[in-house]
């Protein structure tokens, strides 16, 4: 492990950006997690991949940066705690700028590779089924499918974090993927394992590791095939399904009840057959907040 960037801080020691490097030569892959401090499932997934790489040295070079926002993780916060800035909105960064701009610049400089992957968890109020978010076509779609994670989400280019790390990688001519799974502020080891196996599958596809991959893709969908079910009213959401479950059209997904007294205020039903890829975890909701995403199936 090496420290690729160091920055003095006002207390509790200096900030350090750590990178683990395995192998040498081409092809090169960079995998980043922990841009948001409370996203722990991705952190654990990248560390699980590091364990694999210690046992099976790669044919090529793999850079792992498991935890970028160390101070945010220490306080269970998404953003950089000193000024509440999002590091993922600071790219391409500035070596003479604010703390988050300096971190962003250093991260971009030290994650140069043929293929780059940004690993995230869902927000604390939702659970995300492990998924890879890719363009509608091209080599990045092929790379994403090689991971064999439960959901391949094909999205228009303007929805692929154009202002974040992935957008900065693409502007630099790098092939880049976004992987997401689990829930912020918690650790789901099964989702971490799925993501780690998916990352190993990507490396296998590139000839860096022997054959392998995730458990298999349940849904390969465009943005138009992802149905978002939102609350019609404020209340207390009680789910009737679990993440990763296949549901039928018209099936009850959950209901909203009064927070005090428990009176049922409304029901939520699937519009079409599909896979539950996002599920509300924090039950208190306001009108129009996301409750369930369904990756619809033919």
Protein backbone atom coordinates (compact mmCIF):
# COMPACT_ATOMS: atom_id res chain seq x y z
CA UNK A 1 0.00 0.00 0.00
CA UNK A 2 1.29 3.47 -0.85
CA UNK A 3 0.26 6.99 0.08
CA UNK A 4 -0.20 8.79 -3.26
CA UNK A 5 -1.39 12.11 -1.80
CA UNK A 6 -1.05 13.75 1.60
CA UNK A 7 -2.59 16.95 2.93
CA UNK A 8 -2.22 18.59 6.32
CA UNK A 9 -5.41 18.85 8.38
CA UNK A 10 -6.20 21.04 11.39
CA UNK A 11 -6.59 18.08 13.75
CA UNK A 12 -6.47 14.27 14.07
CA UNK A 13 -3.52 13.92 11.70
CA UNK A 14 -3.03 14.52 7.99
CA UNK A 15 -5.34 13.37 5.24
CA UNK A 16 -3.82 10.53 3.18
CA UNK A 17 -5.06 8.95 -0.05
CA UNK A 18 -4.04 5.28 -0.09
CA UNK A 19 -3.63 3.10 -3.17
CA UNK A 20 -2.99 -0.63 -3.39
CA UNK A 21 -1.33 -1.80 -6.61
CA UNK A 22 -1.21 -5.40 -7.81
CA UNK A 23 0.75 -6.68 -10.78
CA UNK A 24 2.45 -4.70 -13.53
CA UNK A 25 2.16 -3.96 -17.22
CA UNK A 26 -0.95 -3.83 -19.38
CA UNK A 27 -3.91 -3.77 -19.27
CA UNK A 28 -4.44 -1.38 -16.39
CA UNK A 29 -7.56 -1.06 -14.23
CA UNK A 30 -8.35 1.44 -11.46
CA UNK A 31 -11.16 0.77 -8.98
CA UNK A 32 -12.25 3.51 -6.56
CA UNK A 33 -14.62 3.36 -3.58
CA UNK A 34 -15.43 5.55 -0.62
CA UNK A 35 -15.81 8.90 -2.38
CA UNK A 36 -18.79 9.23 -0.06
CA UNK A 37 -17.72 8.51 3.49
CA UNK A 38 -20.74 6.51 4.62
CA UNK A 39 -20.75 4.10 1.64
CA UNK A 40 -19.29 1.03 3.32
CA UNK A 41 -20.54 -1.82 1.14
CA UNK A 42 -18.34 -0.67 -1.75
CA UNK A 43 -15.36 -0.20 0.56
CA UNK A 44 -15.73 -3.78 1.78
CA UNK A 45 -16.19 -5.08 -1.78
CA UNK A 46 -12.94 -3.49 -2.96
CA UNK A 47 -11.10 -4.88 0.07
CA UNK A 48 -12.53 -8.34 -0.73
CA UNK A 49 -11.16 -7.97 -4.25
CA UNK A 50 -7.77 -7.05 -2.76
CA UNK A 51 -7.81 -10.36 -0.88
CA UNK A 52 -8.43 -12.21 -4.17
CA UNK A 53 -5.58 -10.37 -5.86
CA UNK A 54 -3.16 -11.31 -3.09
CA UNK A 55 -3.94 -14.97 -3.77
CA UNK A 56 -4.14 -14.70 -7.58
CA UNK A 57 -1.65 -12.12 -8.93
CA UNK A 58 -3.08 -10.33 -11.98
CA UNK A 59 -1.77 -10.37 -15.53
CA UNK A 60 -1.61 -6.61 -15.85
CA UNK A 61 -1.94 -3.80 -13.29
CA UNK A 62 -4.83 -3.26 -10.88
CA UNK A 63 -4.97 -0.10 -8.73
CA UNK A 64 -7.40 -0.14 -5.81
CA UNK A 65 -8.34 3.01 -3.88
CA UNK A 66 -10.85 1.62 -1.35
CA UNK A 67 -11.51 4.70 0.79
CA UNK A 68 -11.16 8.24 -0.57
CA UNK A 69 -13.18 10.22 1.98
CA UNK A 70 -11.48 8.93 5.13
CA UNK A 71 -12.58 11.82 7.34
CA UNK A 72 -16.19 11.47 6.15
CA UNK A 73 -16.10 7.75 6.93
CA UNK A 74 -14.80 8.52 10.41
CA UNK A 75 -17.93 10.62 11.05
CA UNK A 76 -20.36 8.41 9.05
CA UNK A 77 -20.97 11.31 6.64
CA UNK A 78 -21.34 11.39 2.88
CA UNK A 79 -19.47 14.65 2.32
CA UNK A 80 -16.12 16.05 3.38
CA UNK A 81 -16.87 17.03 6.99
CA UNK A 82 -14.97 20.32 7.21
CA UNK A 83 -17.01 22.30 4.66
CA UNK A 84 -19.76 19.80 3.74
CA UNK A 85 -18.59 19.56 0.11
CA UNK A 86 -19.15 16.50 -2.08
CA UNK A 87 -15.81 15.26 -3.45
CA UNK A 88 -17.65 13.73 -6.40
CA UNK A 89 -18.74 17.20 -7.48
CA UNK A 90 -15.22 18.66 -7.36
CA UNK A 91 -13.70 17.08 -10.49
CA UNK A 92 -11.44 17.66 -12.30
CA UNK A 93 -10.17 19.34 -9.15
CA UNK A 94 -7.45 21.88 -8.54
CA UNK A 95 -4.02 21.20 -6.94
CA UNK A 96 -4.11 24.70 -5.42
CA UNK A 97 -7.81 24.81 -4.56
CA UNK A 98 -9.96 23.81 -1.59
CA UNK A 99 -9.44 20.53 0.26
CA UNK A 100 -11.99 18.62 -1.84
CA UNK A 101 -10.60 20.10 -5.07
CA UNK A 102 -7.09 18.97 -4.11
CA UNK A 103 -8.33 15.47 -3.27
CA UNK A 104 -10.27 15.28 -6.55
CA UNK A 105 -7.21 16.38 -8.54
CA UNK A 106 -4.97 13.83 -6.80
CA UNK A 107 -7.51 11.02 -7.22
CA UNK A 108 -7.88 11.72 -10.93
CA UNK A 109 -4.10 11.81 -11.34
CA UNK A 110 -3.52 8.53 -9.49
CA UNK A 111 -6.41 6.51 -10.95
CA UNK A 112 -5.27 6.65 -14.58
CA UNK A 113 -5.97 3.33 -16.32
CA UNK A 114 -7.43 1.72 -19.44
CA UNK A 115 -10.63 0.92 -17.54
CA UNK A 116 -11.85 2.73 -14.41
CA UNK A 117 -14.65 1.77 -12.01
CA UNK A 118 -16.34 3.97 -9.39
CA UNK A 119 -18.08 1.88 -6.69
CA UNK A 120 -20.90 3.35 -4.60
CA UNK A 121 -23.62 2.34 -2.15
CA UNK A 122 -27.15 3.64 -2.08
CA UNK A 123 -28.16 6.52 0.18
CA UNK A 124 -28.96 5.61 3.83
CA UNK A 125 -32.71 5.70 3.15
CA UNK A 126 -32.67 3.12 0.30
CA UNK A 127 -31.26 -0.33 -0.47
CA UNK A 128 -29.83 -0.93 -3.95
CA UNK A 129 -29.50 -4.33 -5.61
CA UNK A 130 -25.92 -4.55 -6.99
CA UNK A 131 -25.98 -2.96 -10.43
CA UNK A 132 -23.66 -1.56 -13.06
CA UNK A 133 -24.65 1.65 -14.82
CA UNK A 134 -23.42 1.84 -18.39
CA UNK A 135 -24.07 3.74 -21.64
CA UNK A 136 -26.66 2.52 -24.13
CA UNK A 137 -24.00 0.87 -26.29
CA UNK A 138 -20.31 0.51 -27.01
CA UNK A 139 -17.39 -1.14 -25.23
CA UNK A 140 -18.40 0.09 -21.78
CA UNK A 141 -21.70 -1.77 -22.11
CA UNK A 142 -19.77 -4.93 -22.98
CA UNK A 143 -17.49 -4.44 -19.97
CA UNK A 144 -20.47 -3.89 -17.67
CA UNK A 145 -22.23 -7.01 -18.88
CA UNK A 146 -19.07 -9.04 -18.26
CA UNK A 147 -19.44 -8.35 -14.53
CA UNK A 148 -22.61 -10.49 -14.37
CA UNK A 149 -24.08 -8.46 -11.52
CA UNK A 150 -27.86 -8.66 -10.95
CA UNK A 151 -28.79 -5.50 -12.90
CA UNK A 152 -27.22 -3.91 -15.97
CA UNK A 153 -28.74 -0.42 -16.25
CA UNK A 154 -28.20 1.14 -19.68
CA UNK A 155 -28.54 4.90 -19.35
CA UNK A 156 -28.25 7.91 -21.65
CA UNK A 157 -24.84 9.57 -21.49
CA UNK A 158 -26.05 12.65 -19.64
CA UNK A 159 -27.14 10.45 -16.74
CA UNK A 160 -23.73 8.91 -16.16
CA UNK A 161 -22.27 11.37 -13.67
CA UNK A 162 -20.99 13.82 -16.25
CA UNK A 163 -19.80 16.17 -13.48
CA UNK A 164 -18.34 13.47 -11.24
CA UNK A 165 -15.35 11.15 -11.28
CA UNK A 166 -16.80 8.99 -14.06
CA UNK A 167 -17.38 12.06 -16.24
CA UNK A 168 -13.81 13.23 -15.59
CA UNK A 169 -12.43 9.83 -16.55
CA UNK A 170 -14.43 9.86 -19.77
CA UNK A 171 -13.30 13.36 -20.66
CA UNK A 172 -9.75 12.05 -20.25
CA UNK A 173 -10.49 9.25 -22.73
CA UNK A 174 -10.86 6.47 -20.16
CA UNK A 175 -13.51 3.75 -20.28
CA UNK A 176 -15.48 4.12 -17.06
CA UNK A 177 -18.24 2.27 -15.20
CA UNK A 178 -20.41 3.07 -12.17
CA UNK A 179 -21.23 0.20 -9.80
CA UNK A 180 -23.73 0.60 -6.97
CA UNK A 181 -25.13 -1.71 -4.31
CA UNK A 182 -26.25 -1.83 -0.71
CA UNK A 183 -27.30 0.97 1.62
CA UNK A 184 -25.34 3.91 2.98
CA UNK A 185 -24.25 3.86 6.64
CA UNK A 186 -24.64 0.07 6.81
CA UNK A 187 -22.68 -2.96 5.64
CA UNK A 188 -24.36 -5.69 3.61
CA UNK A 189 -21.72 -8.37 3.22
CA UNK A 190 -23.73 -10.34 0.65
CA UNK A 191 -23.92 -7.29 -1.63
CA UNK A 192 -20.22 -6.65 -1.06
CA UNK A 193 -19.47 -10.21 -2.14
CA UNK A 194 -21.63 -9.83 -5.25
CA UNK A 195 -19.85 -6.61 -6.21
CA UNK A 196 -16.40 -8.11 -5.54
CA UNK A 197 -17.21 -11.12 -7.72
CA UNK A 198 -18.50 -8.78 -10.40
CA UNK A 199 -15.28 -6.78 -10.34
CA UNK A 200 -13.34 -10.04 -10.61
CA UNK A 201 -15.51 -10.92 -13.61
CA UNK A 202 -14.57 -7.64 -15.27
CA UNK A 203 -10.88 -8.40 -14.68
CA UNK A 204 -11.38 -11.90 -16.10
CA UNK A 205 -13.06 -10.44 -19.20
CA UNK A 206 -10.00 -8.24 -19.71
CA UNK A 207 -7.62 -11.20 -19.31
CA UNK A 208 -6.28 -9.91 -15.98
CA UNK A 209 -7.66 -12.79 -13.86
CA UNK A 210 -8.84 -16.33 -14.63
CA UNK A 211 -12.47 -16.85 -15.60
CA UNK A 212 -15.00 -15.72 -13.03
CA UNK A 213 -17.82 -13.29 -12.40
CA UNK A 214 -20.88 -12.40 -10.42
CA UNK A 215 -23.90 -14.64 -9.74
CA UNK A 216 -25.61 -13.69 -13.02
CA UNK A 217 -27.67 -10.88 -14.46
CA UNK A 218 -31.37 -10.83 -13.60
CA UNK A 219 -32.27 -7.75 -15.65
CA UNK A 220 -30.56 -5.91 -18.52
CA UNK A 221 -32.62 -2.77 -18.97
CA UNK A 222 -32.63 0.70 -20.45
CA UNK A 223 -33.51 3.76 -18.39
CA UNK A 224 -37.01 3.64 -19.87
CA UNK A 225 -37.46 0.09 -18.51
CA UNK A 226 -36.81 1.12 -14.90
CA UNK A 227 -40.14 1.97 -13.27
CA UNK A 228 -39.96 4.40 -10.37
CA UNK A 229 -42.73 4.06 -7.80
CA UNK A 230 -43.12 7.11 -5.57
CA UNK A 231 -45.27 7.97 -2.58
CA UNK A 232 -48.59 9.68 -3.31
CA UNK A 233 -48.65 11.07 0.21
CA UNK A 234 -46.59 11.40 3.35
CA UNK A 235 -46.68 8.59 5.88
CA UNK A 236 -44.98 5.41 7.08
CA UNK A 237 -43.99 3.00 4.29
CA UNK A 238 -44.25 -0.73 5.01
CA UNK A 239 -42.70 -2.86 2.23
CA UNK A 240 -44.22 -6.17 1.20
CA UNK A 241 -41.29 -7.24 -1.01
CA UNK A 242 -37.53 -7.60 -0.62
CA UNK A 243 -34.61 -6.38 -2.67
CA UNK A 244 -33.88 -8.65 -5.65
CA UNK A 245 -37.34 -10.24 -5.62
CA UNK A 246 -39.16 -10.84 -8.90
CA UNK A 247 -42.68 -9.43 -8.85
CA UNK A 248 -45.69 -9.70 -11.13
CA UNK A 249 -47.68 -6.86 -12.61
CA UNK A 250 -50.24 -5.68 -10.07
CA UNK A 251 -48.44 -7.30 -7.13
CA UNK A 252 -48.50 -5.40 -3.85
CA UNK A 253 -45.13 -3.77 -3.23
CA UNK A 254 -46.05 -2.13 0.05
CA UNK A 255 -48.42 0.28 1.68
CA UNK A 256 -48.32 3.69 3.33
CA UNK A 257 -49.93 4.01 6.71
CA UNK A 258 -50.39 6.80 9.21
CA UNK A 259 -47.29 7.14 11.43
CA UNK A 260 -49.55 7.49 14.47
CA UNK A 261 -52.35 4.95 14.74
CA UNK A 262 -51.33 2.83 11.72
CA UNK A 263 -54.37 3.60 9.53
CA UNK A 264 -53.70 2.41 5.97
CA UNK A 265 -53.58 5.42 3.65
CA UNK A 266 -52.67 3.83 0.34
CA UNK A 267 -51.13 0.89 -1.50
CA UNK A 268 -48.26 0.59 -3.97
CA UNK A 269 -48.53 -1.98 -6.76
CA UNK A 270 -46.14 -2.99 -9.52
CA UNK A 271 -47.11 -1.73 -12.95
CA UNK A 272 -45.35 -4.60 -14.74
CA UNK A 273 -43.38 -7.77 -14.09
CA UNK A 274 -39.82 -7.12 -12.97
CA UNK A 275 -37.04 -7.25 -10.37
CA UNK A 276 -37.00 -5.07 -7.24
CA UNK A 277 -33.72 -3.16 -7.70
CA UNK A 278 -34.26 -0.30 -5.22
CA UNK A 279 -36.28 -0.46 -2.00
CA UNK A 280 -36.96 2.26 0.55
CA UNK A 281 -35.27 1.42 3.85
CA UNK A 282 -36.19 4.42 6.00
CA UNK A 283 -39.97 4.17 6.39
CA UNK A 284 -40.99 7.79 7.05
CA UNK A 285 -41.69 9.36 3.67
CA UNK A 286 -42.99 12.56 2.12
CA UNK A 287 -45.11 12.83 -1.02
CA UNK A 288 -43.22 11.97 -4.24
CA UNK A 289 -40.25 10.40 -2.49
CA UNK A 290 -38.90 7.23 -4.10
CA UNK A 291 -40.18 4.00 -2.58
CA UNK A 292 -39.36 1.25 -5.09
CA UNK A 293 -37.58 0.90 -8.43
CA UNK A 294 -38.51 -2.05 -10.61
CA UNK A 295 -36.27 -3.25 -13.45
CA UNK A 296 -39.07 -4.34 -15.77
CA UNK A 297 -38.94 -7.64 -17.63
CA UNK A 298 -40.62 -8.60 -20.92
